[in-house]
Amino acid sequence: PGLDAAFHDHWARALVTGDWSPPRFFADPEIHTTPYFRPPAYPFFLAALYAVTGSSKLGAIALWPIGKTIVSKEVAEAARHLERTVAGAPHFAIGWLILGLAQLQGGDDEAACQAIGHALHLLGDAPTPLAMGAFAHALARAGRTAEAERCLRAMGGKQRASPAHLHARALVHTALGDFDAAFRCRNHQFEVGGSYFHT
């Protein structure tokens, strides 16, 4: 599957049905034979919802508030751990970045802006595209649209066509509500090839 949501849906349905064959037109993601590339709680929870609802997407959506409650508690706990981490290592830029992402996930958009902004300050003159994208995304989520748009312009346009830049720009466009631009970035990302982990 090409995007995270489709990947998780395929993973969850395979857990329920035992059918690990890849969807039509997609390469085998080899989920059942390789290490997890991220914490697996979400696909397993979605699999449980599919098992209860007979693989109904509408049924899973109806039961999702239960999962949201569980996830929000995990995010809050993760943020607390990360706050202790950066308190003990205040120059740890990636720690500040991940703290900001946890705060963003937990709905504290202003705190996320501060944490990710501090990470960018520590990263200096060469921040990663994903860090820049996370900051602009947080600004947009916090209602600081003009600042988010300035960040987006600073990230560059088509001349910065690496998968990482395009993924980051898509995140910012999504937060700004410009879904057409987000889809254009995503489509261009797949055209240039590679995952968003490659700059």
N, C-alpha and C. Protein backbone atom coordinates (compact mmCIF):
# COMPACT_ATOMS: atom_id res chain seq x y z
N PRO A 1 0.83 -1.21 0.00
CA PRO A 1 0.00 0.00 0.00
C PRO A 1 0.85 1.25 0.00
N GLY A 2 0.39 2.28 -0.69
CA GLY A 2 1.22 3.44 -0.92
C GLY A 2 1.28 4.43 0.20
N LEU A 3 0.24 4.58 0.99
CA LEU A 3 0.22 5.56 2.07
C LEU A 3 -0.01 4.86 3.40
N ASP A 4 0.28 5.56 4.49
CA ASP A 4 0.21 4.93 5.81
C ASP A 4 -1.17 4.36 6.11
N ALA A 5 -2.23 5.11 5.78
CA ALA A 5 -3.59 4.63 6.10
C ALA A 5 -3.88 3.32 5.38
N ALA A 6 -3.52 3.24 4.10
CA ALA A 6 -3.74 2.01 3.34
C ALA A 6 -2.87 0.88 3.88
N PHE A 7 -1.65 1.21 4.27
CA PHE A 7 -0.73 0.21 4.84
C PHE A 7 -1.32 -0.38 6.12
N HIS A 8 -1.82 0.50 7.00
CA HIS A 8 -2.39 0.02 8.26
C HIS A 8 -3.67 -0.78 8.04
N ASP A 9 -4.48 -0.36 7.06
CA ASP A 9 -5.70 -1.09 6.75
C ASP A 9 -5.36 -2.50 6.26
N HIS A 10 -4.38 -2.61 5.35
CA HIS A 10 -3.95 -3.91 4.85
C HIS A 10 -3.42 -4.78 6.00
N TRP A 11 -2.61 -4.19 6.86
CA TRP A 11 -2.03 -4.90 8.00
C TRP A 11 -3.14 -5.44 8.91
N ALA A 12 -4.10 -4.57 9.26
CA ALA A 12 -5.19 -4.97 10.17
C ALA A 12 -6.04 -6.08 9.56
N ARG A 13 -6.39 -5.95 8.29
CA ARG A 13 -7.23 -6.97 7.64
C ARG A 13 -6.47 -8.31 7.55
N ALA A 14 -5.18 -8.25 7.30
CA ALA A 14 -4.38 -9.48 7.24
C ALA A 14 -4.34 -10.17 8.60
N LEU A 15 -4.26 -9.38 9.67
CA LEU A 15 -4.28 -9.97 11.02
C LEU A 15 -5.59 -10.71 11.29
N VAL A 16 -6.69 -10.14 10.79
CA VAL A 16 -8.01 -10.74 11.02
C VAL A 16 -8.22 -11.97 10.14
N THR A 17 -7.86 -11.86 8.86
CA THR A 17 -8.19 -12.91 7.89
C THR A 17 -7.08 -13.94 7.70
N GLY A 18 -5.86 -13.56 8.02
CA GLY A 18 -4.73 -14.45 7.74
C GLY A 18 -4.25 -14.37 6.30
N ASP A 19 -4.88 -13.54 5.48
CA ASP A 19 -4.50 -13.39 4.07
C ASP A 19 -3.51 -12.24 3.96
N TRP A 20 -2.23 -12.57 3.77
CA TRP A 20 -1.17 -11.55 3.70
C TRP A 20 -0.83 -11.16 2.27
N SER A 21 -1.60 -11.65 1.29
CA SER A 21 -1.28 -11.31 -0.10
C SER A 21 -1.46 -9.81 -0.32
N PRO A 22 -0.54 -9.20 -1.08
CA PRO A 22 -0.61 -7.73 -1.24
C PRO A 22 -1.82 -7.32 -2.08
N PRO A 23 -2.33 -6.11 -1.87
CA PRO A 23 -3.42 -5.60 -2.70
C PRO A 23 -2.97 -5.51 -4.16
N ARG A 24 -3.94 -5.51 -5.05
CA ARG A 24 -3.65 -5.42 -6.48
C ARG A 24 -2.83 -4.17 -6.78
N PHE A 25 -1.85 -4.29 -7.63
CA PHE A 25 -0.97 -3.21 -8.10
C PHE A 25 0.07 -2.77 -7.07
N PHE A 26 0.16 -3.42 -5.93
CA PHE A 26 1.14 -3.01 -4.93
C PHE A 26 2.12 -4.15 -4.65
N ALA A 27 3.36 -3.77 -4.36
CA ALA A 27 4.36 -4.77 -3.98
C ALA A 27 4.04 -5.31 -2.58
N ASP A 28 4.54 -6.49 -2.31
CA ASP A 28 4.31 -7.11 -1.01
C ASP A 28 5.05 -6.31 0.06
N PRO A 29 4.34 -5.73 1.06
CA PRO A 29 5.04 -4.99 2.12
C PRO A 29 5.76 -5.90 3.11
N GLU A 30 5.56 -7.24 3.00
CA GLU A 30 6.30 -8.22 3.81
C GLU A 30 6.16 -7.96 5.30
N ILE A 31 4.96 -7.56 5.71
CA ILE A 31 4.73 -7.23 7.12
C ILE A 31 4.98 -8.44 8.01
N HIS A 32 4.54 -9.61 7.53
CA HIS A 32 4.58 -10.80 8.39
C HIS A 32 5.95 -11.46 8.45
N THR A 33 6.92 -10.96 7.69
CA THR A 33 8.25 -11.60 7.68
C THR A 33 9.37 -10.66 8.08
N THR A 34 9.06 -9.40 8.35
CA THR A 34 10.11 -8.44 8.65
C THR A 34 9.80 -7.72 9.96
N PRO A 35 10.82 -7.11 10.60
CA PRO A 35 10.56 -6.38 11.84
C PRO A 35 9.62 -5.20 11.62
N TYR A 36 8.90 -4.84 12.66
CA TYR A 36 8.01 -3.69 12.57
C TYR A 36 8.81 -2.42 12.33
N PHE A 37 8.34 -1.58 11.43
CA PHE A 37 9.06 -0.33 11.17
C PHE A 37 8.52 0.80 12.03
N ARG A 38 7.53 0.51 12.87
CA ARG A 38 6.98 1.49 13.82
C ARG A 38 6.23 0.72 14.89
N PRO A 39 5.93 1.36 16.02
CA PRO A 39 5.17 0.65 17.05
C PRO A 39 3.86 0.11 16.47
N PRO A 40 3.53 -1.17 16.71
CA PRO A 40 2.42 -1.79 16.00
C PRO A 40 1.06 -1.65 16.67
N ALA A 41 0.92 -0.83 17.69
CA ALA A 41 -0.34 -0.78 18.43
C ALA A 41 -1.53 -0.41 17.55
N TYR A 42 -1.36 0.59 16.67
CA TYR A 42 -2.51 1.03 15.89
C TYR A 42 -3.07 -0.07 14.98
N PRO A 43 -2.24 -0.73 14.15
CA PRO A 43 -2.81 -1.78 13.30
C PRO A 43 -3.46 -2.91 14.10
N PHE A 44 -2.88 -3.24 15.27
CA PHE A 44 -3.47 -4.30 16.07
C PHE A 44 -4.81 -3.87 16.65
N PHE A 45 -4.92 -2.60 17.06
CA PHE A 45 -6.21 -2.11 17.56
C PHE A 45 -7.24 -2.09 16.42
N LEU A 46 -6.82 -1.63 15.24
CA LEU A 46 -7.72 -1.62 14.10
C LEU A 46 -8.14 -3.04 13.74
N ALA A 47 -7.22 -4.00 13.84
CA ALA A 47 -7.55 -5.40 13.58
C ALA A 47 -8.63 -5.89 14.56
N ALA A 48 -8.51 -5.48 15.83
CA ALA A 48 -9.52 -5.87 16.82
C ALA A 48 -10.88 -5.29 16.44
N LEU A 49 -10.90 -4.04 15.99
CA LEU A 49 -12.17 -3.42 15.57
C LEU A 49 -12.74 -4.16 14.36
N TYR A 50 -11.88 -4.52 13.41
CA TYR A 50 -12.36 -5.25 12.24
C TYR A 50 -12.89 -6.63 12.64
N ALA A 51 -12.23 -7.27 13.60
CA ALA A 51 -12.68 -8.58 14.05
C ALA A 51 -14.07 -8.49 14.68
N VAL A 52 -14.29 -7.42 15.45
CA VAL A 52 -15.58 -7.23 16.14
C VAL A 52 -16.67 -6.84 15.15
N THR A 53 -16.32 -6.05 14.13
CA THR A 53 -17.33 -5.49 13.23
C THR A 53 -17.42 -6.23 11.90
N GLY A 54 -16.75 -7.37 11.77
CA GLY A 54 -16.79 -8.09 10.51
C GLY A 54 -16.09 -7.36 9.39
N SER A 55 -14.98 -6.71 9.70
CA SER A 55 -14.17 -5.94 8.74
C SER A 55 -14.93 -4.76 8.13
N SER A 56 -15.89 -4.24 8.87
CA SER A 56 -16.67 -3.08 8.40
C SER A 56 -15.93 -1.80 8.74
N LYS A 57 -15.64 -0.97 7.71
CA LYS A 57 -14.99 0.31 7.97
C LYS A 57 -15.90 1.22 8.78
N LEU A 58 -17.20 1.23 8.46
CA LEU A 58 -18.14 2.07 9.20
C LEU A 58 -18.22 1.64 10.66
N GLY A 59 -18.22 0.33 10.89
CA GLY A 59 -18.25 -0.17 12.26
C GLY A 59 -17.00 0.23 13.02
N ALA A 60 -15.85 0.13 12.34
CA ALA A 60 -14.59 0.52 12.99
C ALA A 60 -14.60 2.01 13.33
N ILE A 61 -15.13 2.83 12.41
CA ILE A 61 -15.22 4.27 12.67
C ILE A 61 -16.12 4.55 13.87
N ALA A 62 -17.24 3.82 13.97
CA ALA A 62 -18.18 4.02 15.08
C ALA A 62 -17.54 3.70 16.43
N LEU A 63 -16.63 2.70 16.44
CA LEU A 63 -15.98 2.31 17.70
C LEU A 63 -14.68 3.06 17.96
N TRP A 64 -14.24 3.91 17.01
CA TRP A 64 -12.93 4.54 17.11
C TRP A 64 -12.74 5.40 18.36
N PRO A 65 -13.79 6.07 18.92
CA PRO A 65 -13.55 6.87 20.14
C PRO A 65 -12.88 6.08 21.26
N ILE A 66 -13.13 4.78 21.33
CA ILE A 66 -12.45 3.96 22.35
C ILE A 66 -10.94 4.01 22.12
N GLY A 67 -10.56 3.78 20.86
CA GLY A 67 -9.14 3.80 20.52
C GLY A 67 -8.52 5.16 20.73
N LYS A 68 -9.27 6.21 20.41
CA LYS A 68 -8.74 7.56 20.57
C LYS A 68 -8.41 7.84 22.03
N THR A 69 -9.26 7.35 22.93
CA THR A 69 -9.01 7.54 24.36
C THR A 69 -7.72 6.85 24.78
N ILE A 70 -7.55 5.61 24.31
CA ILE A 70 -6.33 4.85 24.65
C ILE A 70 -5.10 5.56 24.09
N VAL A 71 -5.17 5.96 22.82
CA VAL A 71 -4.03 6.61 22.17
C VAL A 71 -3.67 7.92 22.85
N SER A 72 -4.69 8.71 23.23
CA SER A 72 -4.42 10.01 23.86
C SER A 72 -3.69 9.83 25.19
N LYS A 73 -4.02 8.75 25.92
CA LYS A 73 -3.32 8.49 27.18
C LYS A 73 -1.87 8.12 26.91
N GLU A 74 -1.63 7.32 25.86
CA GLU A 74 -0.26 6.93 25.51
C GLU A 74 0.55 8.14 25.08
N VAL A 75 -0.08 9.05 24.31
CA VAL A 75 0.61 10.24 23.83
C VAL A 75 0.99 11.14 25.00
N ALA A 76 0.07 11.31 25.95
CA ALA A 76 0.35 12.15 27.12
C ALA A 76 1.51 11.57 27.93
N GLU A 77 1.54 10.25 28.06
CA GLU A 77 2.63 9.62 28.81
C GLU A 77 3.96 9.78 28.06
N ALA A 78 3.90 9.62 26.73
CA ALA A 78 5.12 9.80 25.92
C ALA A 78 5.65 11.22 26.06
N ALA A 79 4.74 12.21 26.04
CA ALA A 79 5.16 13.61 26.17
C ALA A 79 5.84 13.84 27.51
N ARG A 80 5.31 13.25 28.56
CA ARG A 80 5.93 13.41 29.90
C ARG A 80 7.34 12.84 29.91
N HIS A 81 7.52 11.67 29.31
CA HIS A 81 8.87 11.07 29.24
C HIS A 81 9.82 11.96 28.44
N LEU A 82 9.32 12.50 27.34
CA LEU A 82 10.16 13.34 26.49
C LEU A 82 10.51 14.66 27.17
N GLU A 83 9.59 15.19 27.96
CA GLU A 83 9.90 16.41 28.72
C GLU A 83 11.05 16.16 29.69
N ARG A 84 11.05 14.98 30.33
CA ARG A 84 12.16 14.63 31.23
C ARG A 84 13.46 14.46 30.44
N THR A 85 13.34 13.89 29.24
CA THR A 85 14.52 13.68 28.40
C THR A 85 15.19 15.00 28.05
N VAL A 86 14.40 15.97 27.56
CA VAL A 86 15.01 17.24 27.13
C VAL A 86 15.43 18.09 28.33
N ALA A 87 14.80 17.86 29.49
CA ALA A 87 15.25 18.56 30.69
C ALA A 87 16.66 18.10 31.06
N GLY A 88 16.92 16.80 30.85
CA GLY A 88 18.24 16.26 31.17
C GLY A 88 19.26 16.47 30.07
N ALA A 89 18.77 16.67 28.83
CA ALA A 89 19.67 16.87 27.68
C ALA A 89 19.11 18.02 26.84
N PRO A 90 19.25 19.25 27.33
CA PRO A 90 18.59 20.39 26.68
C PRO A 90 19.08 20.72 25.27
N HIS A 91 20.22 20.16 24.86
CA HIS A 91 20.73 20.43 23.50
C HIS A 91 20.44 19.29 22.53
N PHE A 92 19.56 18.36 22.94
CA PHE A 92 19.21 17.20 22.14
C PHE A 92 18.07 17.60 21.18
N ALA A 93 18.46 18.04 19.98
CA ALA A 93 17.48 18.60 19.03
C ALA A 93 16.38 17.60 18.67
N ILE A 94 16.75 16.35 18.42
CA ILE A 94 15.76 15.36 17.99
C ILE A 94 14.78 15.08 19.14
N GLY A 95 15.27 15.14 20.38
CA GLY A 95 14.37 14.98 21.53
C GLY A 95 13.30 16.06 21.55
N TRP A 96 13.72 17.32 21.29
CA TRP A 96 12.76 18.43 21.24
C TRP A 96 11.77 18.24 20.08
N LEU A 97 12.28 17.77 18.94
CA LEU A 97 11.41 17.55 17.79
C LEU A 97 10.35 16.51 18.10
N ILE A 98 10.77 15.38 18.67
CA ILE A 98 9.81 14.31 18.95
C ILE A 98 8.85 14.73 20.06
N LEU A 99 9.33 15.50 21.03
CA LEU A 99 8.43 16.06 22.04
C LEU A 99 7.34 16.90 21.36
N GLY A 100 7.75 17.76 20.43
CA GLY A 100 6.79 18.59 19.72
C GLY A 100 5.78 17.76 18.95
N LEU A 101 6.23 16.68 18.33
CA LEU A 101 5.31 15.81 17.59
C LEU A 101 4.32 15.14 18.53
N ALA A 102 4.79 14.72 19.71
CA ALA A 102 3.88 14.13 20.70
C ALA A 102 2.86 15.16 21.17
N GLN A 103 3.31 16.39 21.41
CA GLN A 103 2.39 17.44 21.84
C GLN A 103 1.38 17.76 20.74
N LEU A 104 1.84 17.73 19.50
CA LEU A 104 0.94 17.96 18.37
C LEU A 104 -0.12 16.87 18.31
N GLN A 105 0.32 15.62 18.48
CA GLN A 105 -0.61 14.50 18.47
C GLN A 105 -1.60 14.60 19.63
N GLY A 106 -1.15 15.14 20.75
CA GLY A 106 -2.02 15.29 21.91
C GLY A 106 -2.91 16.52 21.87
N GLY A 107 -2.75 17.36 20.83
CA GLY A 107 -3.63 18.52 20.68
C GLY A 107 -3.11 19.81 21.28
N ASP A 108 -1.88 19.80 21.83
CA ASP A 108 -1.31 21.02 22.40
C ASP A 108 -0.46 21.70 21.33
N ASP A 109 -1.14 22.38 20.40
CA ASP A 109 -0.47 22.91 19.22
C ASP A 109 0.56 23.99 19.54
N GLU A 110 0.26 24.88 20.50
CA GLU A 110 1.20 25.94 20.84
C GLU A 110 2.47 25.38 21.47
N ALA A 111 2.30 24.42 22.37
CA ALA A 111 3.48 23.79 22.98
C ALA A 111 4.30 23.09 21.90
N ALA A 112 3.62 22.48 20.94
CA ALA A 112 4.32 21.81 19.83
C ALA A 112 5.13 22.82 19.02
N CYS A 113 4.54 23.99 18.77
CA CYS A 113 5.27 25.04 18.04
C CYS A 113 6.55 25.42 18.78
N GLN A 114 6.46 25.57 20.09
CA GLN A 114 7.62 25.96 20.88
C GLN A 114 8.70 24.88 20.85
N ALA A 115 8.28 23.61 21.06
CA ALA A 115 9.26 22.52 21.12
C ALA A 115 9.93 22.31 19.76
N ILE A 116 9.13 22.29 18.68
CA ILE A 116 9.71 22.06 17.36
C ILE A 116 10.54 23.27 16.92
N GLY A 117 10.07 24.47 17.27
CA GLY A 117 10.85 25.67 16.98
C GLY A 117 12.21 25.64 17.67
N HIS A 118 12.22 25.15 18.92
CA HIS A 118 13.49 25.04 19.64
C HIS A 118 14.39 23.99 18.97
N ALA A 119 13.79 22.90 18.50
CA ALA A 119 14.57 21.87 17.78
C ALA A 119 15.22 22.47 16.55
N LEU A 120 14.46 23.29 15.80
CA LEU A 120 15.03 23.94 14.61
C LEU A 120 16.18 24.86 14.98
N HIS A 121 16.02 25.59 16.09
CA HIS A 121 17.09 26.47 16.56
C HIS A 121 18.36 25.66 16.84
N LEU A 122 18.19 24.50 17.48
CA LEU A 122 19.34 23.66 17.81
C LEU A 122 19.95 23.02 16.57
N LEU A 123 19.12 22.73 15.56
CA LEU A 123 19.63 22.12 14.33
C LEU A 123 20.44 23.10 13.50
N GLY A 124 20.25 24.41 13.71
CA GLY A 124 21.07 25.41 13.05
C GLY A 124 20.65 25.70 11.63
N ASP A 125 21.64 25.91 10.77
CA ASP A 125 21.37 26.38 9.41
C ASP A 125 20.90 25.29 8.45
N ALA A 126 20.94 24.05 8.85
CA ALA A 126 20.58 22.96 7.92
C ALA A 126 19.56 22.02 8.54
N PRO A 127 18.36 22.53 8.86
CA PRO A 127 17.35 21.63 9.41
C PRO A 127 16.85 20.64 8.36
N THR A 128 16.41 19.49 8.79
CA THR A 128 15.89 18.50 7.85
C THR A 128 14.55 18.98 7.29
N PRO A 129 14.18 18.54 6.09
CA PRO A 129 12.89 18.93 5.54
C PRO A 129 11.73 18.52 6.44
N LEU A 130 11.84 17.34 7.06
CA LEU A 130 10.73 16.88 7.91
C LEU A 130 10.61 17.74 9.16
N ALA A 131 11.72 18.23 9.69
CA ALA A 131 11.65 19.13 10.85
C ALA A 131 11.00 20.46 10.46
N MET A 132 11.39 20.99 9.31
CA MET A 132 10.77 22.22 8.81
C MET A 132 9.27 22.02 8.57
N GLY A 133 8.94 20.88 7.95
CA GLY A 133 7.53 20.58 7.68
C GLY A 133 6.73 20.42 8.95
N ALA A 134 7.33 19.77 9.95
CA ALA A 134 6.63 19.59 11.24
C ALA A 134 6.37 20.94 11.90
N PHE A 135 7.34 21.85 11.81
CA PHE A 135 7.17 23.18 12.42
C PHE A 135 6.05 23.94 11.72
N ALA A 136 6.08 23.97 10.38
CA ALA A 136 5.04 24.69 9.64
C ALA A 136 3.67 24.06 9.86
N HIS A 137 3.64 22.72 9.96
CA HIS A 137 2.38 22.02 10.23
C HIS A 137 1.83 22.43 11.60
N ALA A 138 2.71 22.48 12.60
CA ALA A 138 2.29 22.89 13.94
C ALA A 138 1.79 24.33 13.94
N LEU A 139 2.49 25.21 13.24
CA LEU A 139 2.06 26.61 13.15
C LEU A 139 0.66 26.71 12.54
N ALA A 140 0.43 25.96 11.47
CA ALA A 140 -0.89 25.98 10.82
C ALA A 140 -1.96 25.44 11.76
N ARG A 141 -1.64 24.36 12.46
CA ARG A 141 -2.61 23.79 13.40
C ARG A 141 -2.93 24.76 14.53
N ALA A 142 -1.95 25.59 14.90
CA ALA A 142 -2.14 26.56 15.98
C ALA A 142 -2.84 27.82 15.49
N GLY A 143 -3.19 27.86 14.21
CA GLY A 143 -3.87 29.04 13.66
C GLY A 143 -2.92 30.15 13.24
N ARG A 144 -1.63 29.87 13.24
CA ARG A 144 -0.63 30.88 12.85
C ARG A 144 -0.33 30.72 11.36
N THR A 145 -1.36 30.98 10.55
CA THR A 145 -1.34 30.68 9.12
C THR A 145 -0.24 31.42 8.38
N ALA A 146 -0.11 32.73 8.64
CA ALA A 146 0.89 33.52 7.92
C ALA A 146 2.29 32.98 8.16
N GLU A 147 2.59 32.60 9.42
CA GLU A 147 3.91 32.04 9.73
C GLU A 147 4.12 30.70 9.04
N ALA A 148 3.06 29.88 9.02
CA ALA A 148 3.15 28.57 8.36
C ALA A 148 3.42 28.74 6.87
N GLU A 149 2.74 29.72 6.25
CA GLU A 149 2.94 29.96 4.82
C GLU A 149 4.35 30.48 4.54
N ARG A 150 4.89 31.31 5.45
CA ARG A 150 6.28 31.78 5.29
C ARG A 150 7.25 30.59 5.35
N CYS A 151 7.00 29.69 6.27
CA CYS A 151 7.83 28.48 6.41
C CYS A 151 7.75 27.65 5.13
N LEU A 152 6.55 27.52 4.60
CA LEU A 152 6.36 26.73 3.39
C LEU A 152 7.15 27.33 2.23
N ARG A 153 7.12 28.66 2.11
CA ARG A 153 7.90 29.32 1.05
C ARG A 153 9.39 29.10 1.26
N ALA A 154 9.84 29.14 2.52
CA ALA A 154 11.26 28.94 2.82
C ALA A 154 11.72 27.52 2.48
N MET A 155 10.77 26.58 2.49
CA MET A 155 11.12 25.19 2.17
C MET A 155 11.37 25.00 0.69
N GLY A 156 10.97 25.95 -0.14
CA GLY A 156 11.21 25.86 -1.58
C GLY A 156 10.10 25.14 -2.30
N GLY A 157 10.11 25.25 -3.61
CA GLY A 157 9.06 24.66 -4.44
C GLY A 157 9.56 23.46 -5.20
N LYS A 158 9.27 23.45 -6.51
CA LYS A 158 9.59 22.27 -7.31
C LYS A 158 11.08 22.01 -7.42
N GLN A 159 11.88 23.06 -7.20
CA GLN A 159 13.32 22.84 -7.27
C GLN A 159 13.79 21.95 -6.12
N ARG A 160 13.02 21.87 -5.04
CA ARG A 160 13.34 20.97 -3.93
C ARG A 160 12.42 19.76 -4.05
N ALA A 161 12.74 18.85 -4.95
CA ALA A 161 11.80 17.78 -5.30
C ALA A 161 12.19 16.42 -4.71
N SER A 162 12.94 16.41 -3.61
CA SER A 162 13.24 15.12 -2.98
C SER A 162 11.97 14.60 -2.32
N PRO A 163 11.87 13.27 -2.14
CA PRO A 163 10.69 12.72 -1.47
C PRO A 163 10.46 13.33 -0.09
N ALA A 164 11.54 13.58 0.65
CA ALA A 164 11.38 14.15 2.00
C ALA A 164 10.77 15.55 1.94
N HIS A 165 11.26 16.39 1.01
CA HIS A 165 10.70 17.74 0.88
C HIS A 165 9.23 17.68 0.48
N LEU A 166 8.92 16.81 -0.47
CA LEU A 166 7.55 16.73 -0.96
C LEU A 166 6.60 16.21 0.11
N HIS A 167 7.07 15.23 0.90
CA HIS A 167 6.25 14.73 2.00
C HIS A 167 6.01 15.84 3.02
N ALA A 168 7.06 16.57 3.36
CA ALA A 168 6.93 17.65 4.34
C ALA A 168 5.98 18.74 3.85
N ARG A 169 6.10 19.10 2.57
CA ARG A 169 5.21 20.12 2.01
C ARG A 169 3.76 19.65 2.02
N ALA A 170 3.54 18.36 1.75
CA ALA A 170 2.18 17.82 1.78
C ALA A 170 1.58 17.93 3.18
N LEU A 171 2.40 17.68 4.21
CA LEU A 171 1.91 17.81 5.59
C LEU A 171 1.47 19.24 5.89
N VAL A 172 2.25 20.20 5.41
CA VAL A 172 1.93 21.61 5.67
C VAL A 172 0.66 22.01 4.92
N HIS A 173 0.58 21.64 3.65
CA HIS A 173 -0.62 21.97 2.87
C HIS A 173 -1.87 21.37 3.52
N THR A 174 -1.74 20.15 4.05
CA THR A 174 -2.89 19.51 4.71
C THR A 174 -3.34 20.32 5.91
N ALA A 175 -2.38 20.75 6.74
CA ALA A 175 -2.73 21.54 7.92
C ALA A 175 -3.33 22.89 7.54
N LEU A 176 -2.93 23.42 6.39
CA LEU A 176 -3.47 24.70 5.92
C LEU A 176 -4.82 24.52 5.21
N GLY A 177 -5.23 23.28 5.02
CA GLY A 177 -6.52 23.01 4.38
C GLY A 177 -6.48 23.01 2.87
N ASP A 178 -5.28 23.05 2.29
CA ASP A 178 -5.14 23.04 0.83
C ASP A 178 -4.88 21.61 0.38
N PHE A 179 -5.95 20.82 0.31
CA PHE A 179 -5.79 19.40 0.04
C PHE A 179 -5.38 19.12 -1.40
N ASP A 180 -5.79 19.99 -2.33
CA ASP A 180 -5.35 19.80 -3.73
C ASP A 180 -3.83 19.90 -3.83
N ALA A 181 -3.24 20.92 -3.16
CA ALA A 181 -1.79 21.08 -3.18
C ALA A 181 -1.11 19.89 -2.49
N ALA A 182 -1.73 19.41 -1.39
CA ALA A 182 -1.17 18.26 -0.68
C ALA A 182 -1.13 17.03 -1.58
N PHE A 183 -2.22 16.79 -2.32
CA PHE A 183 -2.25 15.64 -3.23
C PHE A 183 -1.24 15.80 -4.37
N ARG A 184 -1.07 17.04 -4.85
CA ARG A 184 -0.08 17.25 -5.90
C ARG A 184 1.32 16.91 -5.40
N CYS A 185 1.63 17.33 -4.16
CA CYS A 185 2.94 17.00 -3.57
C CYS A 185 3.10 15.49 -3.43
N ARG A 186 2.05 14.83 -2.95
CA ARG A 186 2.12 13.38 -2.77
C ARG A 186 2.33 12.68 -4.11
N ASN A 187 1.58 13.09 -5.12
CA ASN A 187 1.74 12.47 -6.44
C ASN A 187 3.15 12.69 -6.98
N HIS A 188 3.66 13.90 -6.79
CA HIS A 188 5.03 14.20 -7.25
C HIS A 188 6.04 13.38 -6.46
N GLN A 189 5.77 13.18 -5.17
CA GLN A 189 6.66 12.37 -4.34
C GLN A 189 6.80 10.97 -4.91
N PHE A 190 5.69 10.36 -5.33
CA PHE A 190 5.75 9.01 -5.87
C PHE A 190 6.38 8.99 -7.27
N GLU A 191 6.22 10.10 -7.99
CA GLU A 191 6.85 10.19 -9.32
C GLU A 191 8.38 10.21 -9.21
N VAL A 192 8.90 10.98 -8.22
CA VAL A 192 10.35 11.06 -8.09
C VAL A 192 10.93 9.82 -7.44
N GLY A 193 10.07 9.04 -6.78
CA GLY A 193 10.48 7.77 -6.24
C GLY A 193 11.09 7.87 -4.86
N GLY A 194 11.13 6.74 -4.18
CA GLY A 194 11.72 6.71 -2.85
C GLY A 194 10.73 7.04 -1.77
N SER A 195 11.11 6.78 -0.55
CA SER A 195 10.25 7.07 0.60
C SER A 195 10.62 8.44 1.14
N TYR A 196 9.82 8.94 2.09
CA TYR A 196 10.10 10.26 2.64
C TYR A 196 11.27 10.25 3.60
N PHE A 197 11.87 9.09 3.83
CA PHE A 197 13.06 9.05 4.68
C PHE A 197 14.31 9.44 3.92
N HIS A 198 14.21 9.50 2.58
CA HIS A 198 15.38 9.86 1.78
C HIS A 198 15.30 11.33 1.40
N THR A 199 16.37 12.06 1.60
CA THR A 199 16.39 13.47 1.27
C THR A 199 16.82 13.67 -0.17
